[in-house]
Amino acid sequence: GLLLLIAVILQYAWIKEYMSERKLNRLLKKIGHDSVHNVTIPDGMDGKIFIENLILTPTNILLLGVKKYQGLIFAAEKIDLWTQVIGNKSYKFENPLRQLESDALALTAKLDDSKVKEIVLFINGSEFPKGKPDNVVTIADIKEWARCNSGLEIPETLKTNWKQLLELIVSND
């Protein structure tokens, strides 16, 4: 019994991360009719795009990146480096919208009639005291989308685009 308790204590961080990931995946499934996660698609220039989350919603195909930051986030669409503040320490990180924008352009180029929308989801209690950029959302925003998208039908053009994207996925073997 003592060895089991020690093993659980040592694995607590991993278990907590696993449970958090499952909870997030369940929430993301509620905002769309279909989704793929952690896939690779050719970029059209002999390279590949890694896509964390691609979700088919009633209004668009959502290209969603997830960032696990705590504390205060100071960000704007047009600046290269964003700042995370925890207590009295600050940390700089790359603007995550830049990569998603590039990936969305590559995806759009491969589709006949596309509505790809790129979004960055901040989890783990991030706050934006000076405001969030337009393409940044939090868990509360995702929950609202899930409520609003419930029961809505997918237009045929989006279904067609979704099938085109699924055919582009490269095996990660």
N, C-alpha and C. Protein backbone atom coordinates (compact mmCIF):
# COMPACT_ATOMS: atom_id res chain seq x y z
N GLY A 1 0.81 -1.19 0.00
CA GLY A 1 0.00 0.00 0.00
C GLY A 1 0.86 1.26 0.00
N LEU A 2 1.96 1.22 0.79
CA LEU A 2 2.84 2.38 0.88
C LEU A 2 3.54 2.63 -0.45
N LEU A 3 3.95 1.56 -1.13
CA LEU A 3 4.59 1.72 -2.43
C LEU A 3 3.63 2.30 -3.45
N LEU A 4 2.37 1.88 -3.41
CA LEU A 4 1.37 2.43 -4.32
C LEU A 4 1.16 3.91 -4.05
N LEU A 5 1.09 4.30 -2.79
CA LEU A 5 0.94 5.71 -2.43
C LEU A 5 2.11 6.53 -2.93
N ILE A 6 3.32 6.04 -2.77
CA ILE A 6 4.52 6.74 -3.26
C ILE A 6 4.48 6.87 -4.77
N ALA A 7 4.06 5.79 -5.46
CA ALA A 7 3.98 5.83 -6.92
C ALA A 7 2.96 6.88 -7.38
N VAL A 8 1.82 6.95 -6.72
CA VAL A 8 0.79 7.94 -7.09
C VAL A 8 1.31 9.35 -6.85
N ILE A 9 1.98 9.57 -5.74
CA ILE A 9 2.54 10.90 -5.45
C ILE A 9 3.56 11.29 -6.51
N LEU A 10 4.40 10.36 -6.90
CA LEU A 10 5.41 10.64 -7.92
C LEU A 10 4.79 10.90 -9.29
N GLN A 11 3.66 10.26 -9.55
CA GLN A 11 2.99 10.41 -10.84
C GLN A 11 1.91 11.48 -10.84
N TYR A 12 1.75 12.23 -9.75
CA TYR A 12 0.68 13.21 -9.61
C TYR A 12 0.68 14.23 -10.75
N ALA A 13 1.83 14.78 -11.07
CA ALA A 13 1.90 15.80 -12.13
C ALA A 13 1.45 15.20 -13.47
N TRP A 14 1.89 13.98 -13.76
CA TRP A 14 1.50 13.34 -15.01
C TRP A 14 0.00 13.07 -15.03
N ILE A 15 -0.55 12.58 -13.92
CA ILE A 15 -1.98 12.29 -13.83
C ILE A 15 -2.79 13.57 -13.99
N LYS A 16 -2.36 14.63 -13.32
CA LYS A 16 -3.05 15.91 -13.41
C LYS A 16 -3.04 16.43 -14.85
N GLU A 17 -1.92 16.33 -15.53
CA GLU A 17 -1.81 16.76 -16.93
C GLU A 17 -2.72 15.92 -17.82
N TYR A 18 -2.74 14.62 -17.61
CA TYR A 18 -3.57 13.71 -18.40
C TYR A 18 -5.05 14.05 -18.23
N MET A 19 -5.48 14.27 -17.00
CA MET A 19 -6.88 14.59 -16.73
C MET A 19 -7.25 15.95 -17.33
N SER A 20 -6.35 16.90 -17.25
CA SER A 20 -6.58 18.23 -17.83
C SER A 20 -6.72 18.13 -19.35
N GLU A 21 -5.89 17.31 -19.97
CA GLU A 21 -5.94 17.11 -21.42
C GLU A 21 -7.26 16.47 -21.84
N ARG A 22 -7.71 15.48 -21.09
CA ARG A 22 -9.00 14.82 -21.39
C ARG A 22 -10.16 15.80 -21.27
N LYS A 23 -10.13 16.62 -20.24
CA LYS A 23 -11.19 17.61 -20.01
C LYS A 23 -11.22 18.61 -21.17
N LEU A 24 -10.05 19.07 -21.61
CA LEU A 24 -9.96 20.00 -22.73
C LEU A 24 -10.49 19.36 -24.01
N ASN A 25 -10.11 18.12 -24.28
CA ASN A 25 -10.57 17.44 -25.49
C ASN A 25 -12.09 17.26 -25.50
N ARG A 26 -12.68 16.95 -24.36
CA ARG A 26 -14.14 16.84 -24.28
C ARG A 26 -14.80 18.19 -24.60
N LEU A 27 -14.23 19.27 -24.07
CA LEU A 27 -14.77 20.60 -24.32
C LEU A 27 -14.65 20.97 -25.80
N LEU A 28 -13.50 20.67 -26.41
CA LEU A 28 -13.31 21.00 -27.82
C LEU A 28 -14.26 20.22 -28.71
N LYS A 29 -14.59 19.01 -28.33
CA LYS A 29 -15.54 18.22 -29.13
C LYS A 29 -16.92 18.84 -29.13
N LYS A 30 -17.24 19.60 -28.09
CA LYS A 30 -18.57 20.22 -28.00
C LYS A 30 -18.74 21.41 -28.94
N ILE A 31 -17.64 21.99 -29.43
CA ILE A 31 -17.79 23.17 -30.30
C ILE A 31 -17.85 22.80 -31.77
N GLY A 32 -17.59 21.54 -32.10
CA GLY A 32 -17.61 21.15 -33.50
C GLY A 32 -18.27 19.81 -33.72
N HIS A 33 -18.46 19.51 -34.99
CA HIS A 33 -19.08 18.24 -35.37
C HIS A 33 -18.04 17.16 -35.61
N ASP A 34 -16.81 17.58 -35.89
CA ASP A 34 -15.72 16.63 -36.11
C ASP A 34 -14.41 17.35 -35.80
N SER A 35 -13.38 16.59 -35.49
CA SER A 35 -12.08 17.20 -35.21
C SER A 35 -10.97 16.19 -35.43
N VAL A 36 -9.79 16.72 -35.70
CA VAL A 36 -8.57 15.92 -35.76
C VAL A 36 -7.53 16.66 -34.92
N HIS A 37 -6.63 15.89 -34.33
CA HIS A 37 -5.65 16.47 -33.44
C HIS A 37 -4.25 15.94 -33.76
N ASN A 38 -3.26 16.82 -33.67
CA ASN A 38 -1.86 16.45 -33.85
C ASN A 38 -1.64 15.73 -35.19
N VAL A 39 -1.94 16.43 -36.26
CA VAL A 39 -1.78 15.86 -37.60
C VAL A 39 -0.81 16.71 -38.41
N THR A 40 -0.33 16.13 -39.49
CA THR A 40 0.59 16.81 -40.39
C THR A 40 -0.04 16.88 -41.78
N ILE A 41 0.08 18.05 -42.42
CA ILE A 41 -0.47 18.27 -43.76
C ILE A 41 0.63 18.93 -44.60
N PRO A 42 0.79 18.52 -45.86
CA PRO A 42 1.79 19.18 -46.72
C PRO A 42 1.47 20.67 -46.88
N ASP A 43 2.52 21.50 -46.89
CA ASP A 43 2.31 22.95 -47.00
C ASP A 43 2.30 23.46 -48.44
N GLY A 44 2.58 22.58 -49.41
CA GLY A 44 2.58 22.99 -50.81
C GLY A 44 3.93 23.48 -51.29
N MET A 45 4.93 23.52 -50.41
CA MET A 45 6.28 23.97 -50.79
C MET A 45 7.31 22.95 -50.33
N ASP A 46 6.98 21.67 -50.49
CA ASP A 46 7.83 20.54 -50.08
C ASP A 46 8.08 20.47 -48.58
N GLY A 47 7.24 21.10 -47.81
CA GLY A 47 7.33 21.04 -46.36
C GLY A 47 6.03 20.50 -45.78
N LYS A 48 5.95 20.52 -44.48
CA LYS A 48 4.75 20.04 -43.80
C LYS A 48 4.36 21.02 -42.70
N ILE A 49 3.06 21.03 -42.41
CA ILE A 49 2.50 21.84 -41.34
C ILE A 49 2.04 20.89 -40.25
N PHE A 50 2.46 21.15 -39.02
CA PHE A 50 1.93 20.39 -37.90
C PHE A 50 0.74 21.14 -37.35
N ILE A 51 -0.39 20.45 -37.23
CA ILE A 51 -1.61 21.07 -36.75
C ILE A 51 -2.03 20.41 -35.44
N GLU A 52 -2.13 21.25 -34.42
CA GLU A 52 -2.49 20.76 -33.09
C GLU A 52 -3.97 20.35 -33.04
N ASN A 53 -4.86 21.24 -33.49
CA ASN A 53 -6.30 20.97 -33.47
C ASN A 53 -6.95 21.58 -34.70
N LEU A 54 -7.72 20.79 -35.39
CA LEU A 54 -8.51 21.25 -36.53
C LEU A 54 -9.94 20.79 -36.26
N ILE A 55 -10.87 21.75 -36.18
CA ILE A 55 -12.23 21.45 -35.74
C ILE A 55 -13.22 21.97 -36.77
N LEU A 56 -14.15 21.11 -37.17
CA LEU A 56 -15.22 21.49 -38.09
C LEU A 56 -16.38 22.04 -37.27
N THR A 57 -16.67 23.34 -37.43
CA THR A 57 -17.77 23.97 -36.70
C THR A 57 -18.84 24.39 -37.72
N PRO A 58 -20.01 24.79 -37.27
CA PRO A 58 -21.06 25.21 -38.20
C PRO A 58 -20.73 26.47 -39.01
N THR A 59 -19.75 27.25 -38.58
CA THR A 59 -19.44 28.50 -39.28
C THR A 59 -18.10 28.50 -40.01
N ASN A 60 -17.19 27.60 -39.64
CA ASN A 60 -15.86 27.58 -40.25
C ASN A 60 -15.09 26.32 -39.86
N ILE A 61 -13.90 26.23 -40.42
CA ILE A 61 -12.96 25.21 -39.97
C ILE A 61 -11.99 25.94 -39.05
N LEU A 62 -11.92 25.49 -37.82
CA LEU A 62 -11.16 26.16 -36.79
C LEU A 62 -9.78 25.53 -36.65
N LEU A 63 -8.75 26.34 -36.86
CA LEU A 63 -7.37 25.94 -36.63
C LEU A 63 -7.01 26.47 -35.25
N LEU A 64 -6.88 25.57 -34.29
CA LEU A 64 -6.77 25.98 -32.89
C LEU A 64 -5.45 25.53 -32.28
N GLY A 65 -4.71 26.50 -31.77
CA GLY A 65 -3.50 26.22 -31.01
C GLY A 65 -3.79 26.43 -29.53
N VAL A 66 -3.20 25.62 -28.68
CA VAL A 66 -3.43 25.72 -27.24
C VAL A 66 -2.14 26.14 -26.56
N LYS A 67 -2.23 27.16 -25.71
CA LYS A 67 -1.08 27.64 -24.94
C LYS A 67 -1.39 27.51 -23.46
N LYS A 68 -0.47 26.90 -22.74
CA LYS A 68 -0.65 26.65 -21.30
C LYS A 68 0.15 27.67 -20.51
N TYR A 69 -0.39 28.86 -20.38
CA TYR A 69 0.27 29.92 -19.65
C TYR A 69 -0.59 30.35 -18.46
N GLN A 70 0.06 30.64 -17.36
CA GLN A 70 -0.62 31.18 -16.19
C GLN A 70 -0.28 32.66 -16.07
N GLY A 71 -1.01 33.35 -15.22
CA GLY A 71 -0.67 34.72 -14.90
C GLY A 71 -1.23 35.72 -15.90
N LEU A 72 -0.62 36.89 -15.89
CA LEU A 72 -1.05 37.98 -16.75
C LEU A 72 -0.34 37.89 -18.09
N ILE A 73 -1.09 38.08 -19.16
CA ILE A 73 -0.53 38.06 -20.51
C ILE A 73 -0.75 39.43 -21.13
N PHE A 74 0.33 40.03 -21.61
CA PHE A 74 0.26 41.31 -22.30
C PHE A 74 0.56 41.02 -23.77
N ALA A 75 -0.45 41.27 -24.63
CA ALA A 75 -0.35 40.83 -26.01
C ALA A 75 -1.09 41.78 -26.94
N ALA A 76 -0.65 41.78 -28.19
CA ALA A 76 -1.33 42.50 -29.26
C ALA A 76 -1.03 41.77 -30.56
N GLU A 77 -1.96 41.84 -31.51
CA GLU A 77 -1.80 41.11 -32.76
C GLU A 77 -0.53 41.48 -33.52
N LYS A 78 -0.15 42.73 -33.49
CA LYS A 78 0.94 43.22 -34.34
C LYS A 78 2.32 43.17 -33.70
N ILE A 79 2.45 42.78 -32.43
CA ILE A 79 3.78 42.75 -31.82
C ILE A 79 4.35 41.33 -31.87
N ASP A 80 5.68 41.25 -32.01
CA ASP A 80 6.35 39.95 -32.17
C ASP A 80 6.45 39.16 -30.87
N LEU A 81 6.74 39.86 -29.77
CA LEU A 81 6.92 39.18 -28.50
C LEU A 81 5.83 39.59 -27.52
N TRP A 82 5.22 38.58 -26.92
CA TRP A 82 4.22 38.82 -25.90
C TRP A 82 4.88 38.59 -24.54
N THR A 83 4.24 39.07 -23.47
CA THR A 83 4.83 38.97 -22.14
C THR A 83 3.87 38.28 -21.18
N GLN A 84 4.44 37.34 -20.43
CA GLN A 84 3.72 36.66 -19.37
C GLN A 84 4.29 37.19 -18.05
N VAL A 85 3.42 37.57 -17.13
CA VAL A 85 3.86 38.05 -15.81
C VAL A 85 3.27 37.14 -14.74
N ILE A 86 4.16 36.59 -13.93
CA ILE A 86 3.77 35.77 -12.79
C ILE A 86 4.45 36.38 -11.57
N GLY A 87 3.64 36.88 -10.67
CA GLY A 87 4.20 37.57 -9.50
C GLY A 87 4.94 38.81 -9.96
N ASN A 88 6.22 38.88 -9.61
CA ASN A 88 7.02 40.03 -10.05
C ASN A 88 8.04 39.65 -11.12
N LYS A 89 7.84 38.50 -11.77
CA LYS A 89 8.74 38.07 -12.84
C LYS A 89 7.99 38.10 -14.17
N SER A 90 8.71 38.46 -15.23
CA SER A 90 8.09 38.47 -16.55
C SER A 90 8.90 37.62 -17.52
N TYR A 91 8.19 37.05 -18.48
CA TYR A 91 8.79 36.15 -19.46
C TYR A 91 8.25 36.52 -20.84
N LYS A 92 9.13 36.58 -21.81
CA LYS A 92 8.74 36.88 -23.19
C LYS A 92 8.53 35.58 -23.95
N PHE A 93 7.57 35.61 -24.90
CA PHE A 93 7.38 34.47 -25.79
C PHE A 93 6.87 34.98 -27.13
N GLU A 94 7.10 34.18 -28.17
CA GLU A 94 6.72 34.54 -29.54
C GLU A 94 5.21 34.71 -29.66
N ASN A 95 4.80 35.63 -30.47
CA ASN A 95 3.39 35.82 -30.78
C ASN A 95 2.87 34.55 -31.46
N PRO A 96 2.00 33.79 -30.81
CA PRO A 96 1.53 32.52 -31.38
C PRO A 96 0.60 32.69 -32.57
N LEU A 97 0.06 33.88 -32.76
CA LEU A 97 -0.83 34.11 -33.89
C LEU A 97 -0.09 34.06 -35.22
N ARG A 98 1.19 34.42 -35.23
CA ARG A 98 1.97 34.46 -36.47
C ARG A 98 2.04 33.10 -37.14
N GLN A 99 2.39 32.07 -36.37
CA GLN A 99 2.50 30.73 -36.94
C GLN A 99 1.15 30.20 -37.39
N LEU A 100 0.12 30.43 -36.59
CA LEU A 100 -1.21 29.96 -36.97
C LEU A 100 -1.71 30.66 -38.23
N GLU A 101 -1.40 31.93 -38.38
CA GLU A 101 -1.80 32.67 -39.58
C GLU A 101 -1.15 32.08 -40.81
N SER A 102 0.13 31.76 -40.70
CA SER A 102 0.85 31.14 -41.81
C SER A 102 0.27 29.77 -42.15
N ASP A 103 -0.03 28.98 -41.12
CA ASP A 103 -0.62 27.65 -41.33
C ASP A 103 -2.00 27.76 -41.97
N ALA A 104 -2.80 28.73 -41.53
CA ALA A 104 -4.15 28.93 -42.08
C ALA A 104 -4.08 29.31 -43.56
N LEU A 105 -3.12 30.14 -43.93
CA LEU A 105 -2.95 30.51 -45.35
C LEU A 105 -2.61 29.29 -46.19
N ALA A 106 -1.73 28.44 -45.68
CA ALA A 106 -1.36 27.22 -46.41
C ALA A 106 -2.56 26.28 -46.55
N LEU A 107 -3.36 26.17 -45.51
CA LEU A 107 -4.56 25.31 -45.59
C LEU A 107 -5.57 25.88 -46.57
N THR A 108 -5.80 27.18 -46.49
CA THR A 108 -6.78 27.83 -47.36
C THR A 108 -6.41 27.65 -48.84
N ALA A 109 -5.12 27.68 -49.13
CA ALA A 109 -4.66 27.52 -50.51
C ALA A 109 -4.99 26.14 -51.07
N LYS A 110 -5.19 25.17 -50.19
CA LYS A 110 -5.47 23.80 -50.63
C LYS A 110 -6.95 23.49 -50.77
N LEU A 111 -7.80 24.45 -50.41
CA LEU A 111 -9.24 24.21 -50.41
C LEU A 111 -9.93 25.03 -51.49
N ASP A 112 -11.07 24.53 -51.97
CA ASP A 112 -11.81 25.21 -53.02
C ASP A 112 -12.47 26.49 -52.52
N ASP A 113 -13.17 26.38 -51.42
CA ASP A 113 -13.94 27.51 -50.90
C ASP A 113 -13.88 27.43 -49.38
N SER A 114 -12.88 28.05 -48.80
CA SER A 114 -12.61 27.78 -47.40
C SER A 114 -12.90 28.94 -46.47
N LYS A 115 -13.28 28.58 -45.27
CA LYS A 115 -13.40 29.52 -44.16
C LYS A 115 -12.57 28.97 -43.01
N VAL A 116 -11.25 29.05 -43.11
CA VAL A 116 -10.37 28.61 -42.03
C VAL A 116 -10.15 29.80 -41.11
N LYS A 117 -10.40 29.58 -39.83
CA LYS A 117 -10.20 30.63 -38.83
C LYS A 117 -9.16 30.15 -37.84
N GLU A 118 -8.14 30.97 -37.62
CA GLU A 118 -7.10 30.59 -36.67
C GLU A 118 -7.36 31.23 -35.32
N ILE A 119 -7.24 30.41 -34.28
CA ILE A 119 -7.53 30.83 -32.90
C ILE A 119 -6.46 30.25 -31.98
N VAL A 120 -6.05 31.05 -30.98
CA VAL A 120 -5.16 30.56 -29.93
C VAL A 120 -5.97 30.51 -28.64
N LEU A 121 -6.01 29.35 -28.03
CA LEU A 121 -6.72 29.14 -26.77
C LEU A 121 -5.70 29.16 -25.63
N PHE A 122 -5.88 30.08 -24.70
CA PHE A 122 -5.02 30.13 -23.52
C PHE A 122 -5.75 29.45 -22.36
N ILE A 123 -5.05 28.48 -21.75
CA ILE A 123 -5.62 27.76 -20.61
C ILE A 123 -4.71 27.96 -19.39
N ASN A 124 -5.07 27.37 -18.31
CA ASN A 124 -4.33 27.45 -17.04
C ASN A 124 -4.44 28.80 -16.36
N GLY A 125 -5.54 29.49 -16.57
CA GLY A 125 -5.79 30.71 -15.81
C GLY A 125 -5.12 31.96 -16.32
N SER A 126 -4.91 32.07 -17.60
CA SER A 126 -4.33 33.29 -18.17
C SER A 126 -5.34 34.43 -18.07
N GLU A 127 -4.82 35.62 -17.82
CA GLU A 127 -5.65 36.82 -17.81
C GLU A 127 -5.00 37.85 -18.72
N PHE A 128 -5.82 38.66 -19.37
CA PHE A 128 -5.36 39.67 -20.31
C PHE A 128 -5.79 41.05 -19.81
N PRO A 129 -5.02 41.66 -18.91
CA PRO A 129 -5.45 42.92 -18.30
C PRO A 129 -5.56 44.09 -19.27
N LYS A 130 -4.85 44.06 -20.38
CA LYS A 130 -4.92 45.14 -21.37
C LYS A 130 -5.75 44.74 -22.58
N GLY A 131 -6.49 43.63 -22.46
CA GLY A 131 -7.34 43.17 -23.55
C GLY A 131 -6.70 42.03 -24.33
N LYS A 132 -7.58 41.17 -24.88
CA LYS A 132 -7.13 40.04 -25.70
C LYS A 132 -7.14 40.43 -27.16
N PRO A 133 -6.14 40.00 -27.92
CA PRO A 133 -6.22 40.16 -29.38
C PRO A 133 -7.44 39.40 -29.90
N ASP A 134 -7.92 39.80 -31.07
CA ASP A 134 -9.15 39.22 -31.63
C ASP A 134 -9.14 37.70 -31.74
N ASN A 135 -8.05 37.11 -32.12
CA ASN A 135 -8.01 35.66 -32.35
C ASN A 135 -7.49 34.88 -31.15
N VAL A 136 -7.64 35.45 -29.97
CA VAL A 136 -7.25 34.78 -28.73
C VAL A 136 -8.52 34.52 -27.92
N VAL A 137 -8.65 33.29 -27.40
CA VAL A 137 -9.80 32.93 -26.60
C VAL A 137 -9.36 32.24 -25.32
N THR A 138 -10.30 32.16 -24.39
CA THR A 138 -10.08 31.44 -23.13
C THR A 138 -11.10 30.31 -23.03
N ILE A 139 -11.01 29.53 -21.98
CA ILE A 139 -11.94 28.42 -21.77
C ILE A 139 -13.38 28.95 -21.72
N ALA A 140 -13.59 30.10 -21.08
CA ALA A 140 -14.95 30.67 -21.01
C ALA A 140 -15.51 30.93 -22.41
N ASP A 141 -14.67 31.42 -23.33
CA ASP A 141 -15.10 31.67 -24.70
C ASP A 141 -15.48 30.35 -25.40
N ILE A 142 -14.68 29.31 -25.19
CA ILE A 142 -14.96 28.01 -25.80
C ILE A 142 -16.28 27.45 -25.28
N LYS A 143 -16.53 27.60 -23.98
CA LYS A 143 -17.80 27.12 -23.42
C LYS A 143 -18.98 27.86 -24.04
N GLU A 144 -18.83 29.15 -24.27
CA GLU A 144 -19.90 29.93 -24.91
C GLU A 144 -20.12 29.47 -26.35
N TRP A 145 -19.03 29.21 -27.09
CA TRP A 145 -19.16 28.70 -28.46
C TRP A 145 -19.89 27.37 -28.46
N ALA A 146 -19.54 26.49 -27.51
CA ALA A 146 -20.19 25.18 -27.44
C ALA A 146 -21.69 25.35 -27.25
N ARG A 147 -22.08 26.29 -26.40
CA ARG A 147 -23.50 26.54 -26.16
C ARG A 147 -24.17 27.07 -27.42
N CYS A 148 -23.52 28.00 -28.11
CA CYS A 148 -24.10 28.63 -29.30
C CYS A 148 -24.13 27.67 -30.51
N ASN A 149 -23.15 26.78 -30.62
CA ASN A 149 -23.06 25.87 -31.77
C ASN A 149 -23.92 24.63 -31.62
N SER A 150 -24.45 24.40 -30.44
CA SER A 150 -25.22 23.21 -30.18
C SER A 150 -26.42 23.12 -31.13
N GLY A 151 -26.48 22.02 -31.89
CA GLY A 151 -27.62 21.77 -32.76
C GLY A 151 -27.55 22.43 -34.13
N LEU A 152 -26.55 23.25 -34.40
CA LEU A 152 -26.46 23.90 -35.71
C LEU A 152 -25.93 22.92 -36.75
N GLU A 153 -26.42 23.05 -37.98
CA GLU A 153 -26.00 22.17 -39.08
C GLU A 153 -24.75 22.73 -39.75
N ILE A 154 -23.99 21.83 -40.37
CA ILE A 154 -22.79 22.21 -41.12
C ILE A 154 -23.18 22.43 -42.58
N PRO A 155 -22.84 23.60 -43.16
CA PRO A 155 -23.12 23.82 -44.59
C PRO A 155 -22.33 22.85 -45.47
N GLU A 156 -22.88 22.52 -46.63
CA GLU A 156 -22.26 21.56 -47.55
C GLU A 156 -20.84 21.99 -47.97
N THR A 157 -20.64 23.30 -48.19
CA THR A 157 -19.30 23.76 -48.60
C THR A 157 -18.26 23.45 -47.53
N LEU A 158 -18.62 23.62 -46.27
CA LEU A 158 -17.68 23.28 -45.19
C LEU A 158 -17.45 21.78 -45.10
N LYS A 159 -18.49 20.98 -45.32
CA LYS A 159 -18.33 19.52 -45.31
C LYS A 159 -17.35 19.10 -46.41
N THR A 160 -17.49 19.72 -47.58
CA THR A 160 -16.60 19.41 -48.70
C THR A 160 -15.16 19.80 -48.36
N ASN A 161 -14.97 21.00 -47.82
CA ASN A 161 -13.63 21.44 -47.42
C ASN A 161 -13.03 20.52 -46.37
N TRP A 162 -13.84 20.09 -45.43
CA TRP A 162 -13.38 19.20 -44.37
C TRP A 162 -12.88 17.88 -44.96
N LYS A 163 -13.64 17.32 -45.91
CA LYS A 163 -13.22 16.08 -46.56
C LYS A 163 -11.90 16.28 -47.30
N GLN A 164 -11.74 17.44 -47.96
CA GLN A 164 -10.48 17.74 -48.66
C GLN A 164 -9.32 17.77 -47.66
N LEU A 165 -9.52 18.39 -46.52
CA LEU A 165 -8.45 18.45 -45.51
C LEU A 165 -8.11 17.07 -44.98
N LEU A 166 -9.11 16.27 -44.71
CA LEU A 166 -8.85 14.92 -44.19
C LEU A 166 -8.03 14.09 -45.17
N GLU A 167 -8.27 14.30 -46.47
CA GLU A 167 -7.50 13.56 -47.48
C GLU A 167 -6.04 14.02 -47.54
N LEU A 168 -5.75 15.22 -47.07
CA LEU A 168 -4.39 15.76 -47.10
C LEU A 168 -3.53 15.29 -45.93
N ILE A 169 -4.14 14.76 -44.90
CA ILE A 169 -3.38 14.39 -43.70
C ILE A 169 -2.34 13.32 -44.04
N VAL A 170 -1.13 13.59 -43.60
CA VAL A 170 -0.01 12.68 -43.82
C VAL A 170 0.13 11.78 -42.60
N SER A 171 0.37 10.51 -42.83
CA SER A 171 0.58 9.59 -41.72
C SER A 171 1.83 10.00 -40.96
N ASN A 172 1.76 10.00 -39.64
CA ASN A 172 2.91 10.36 -38.81
C ASN A 172 3.74 9.14 -38.42
N ASP A 173 3.60 8.06 -39.15
CA ASP A 173 4.35 6.83 -38.84
C ASP A 173 5.82 6.98 -39.19
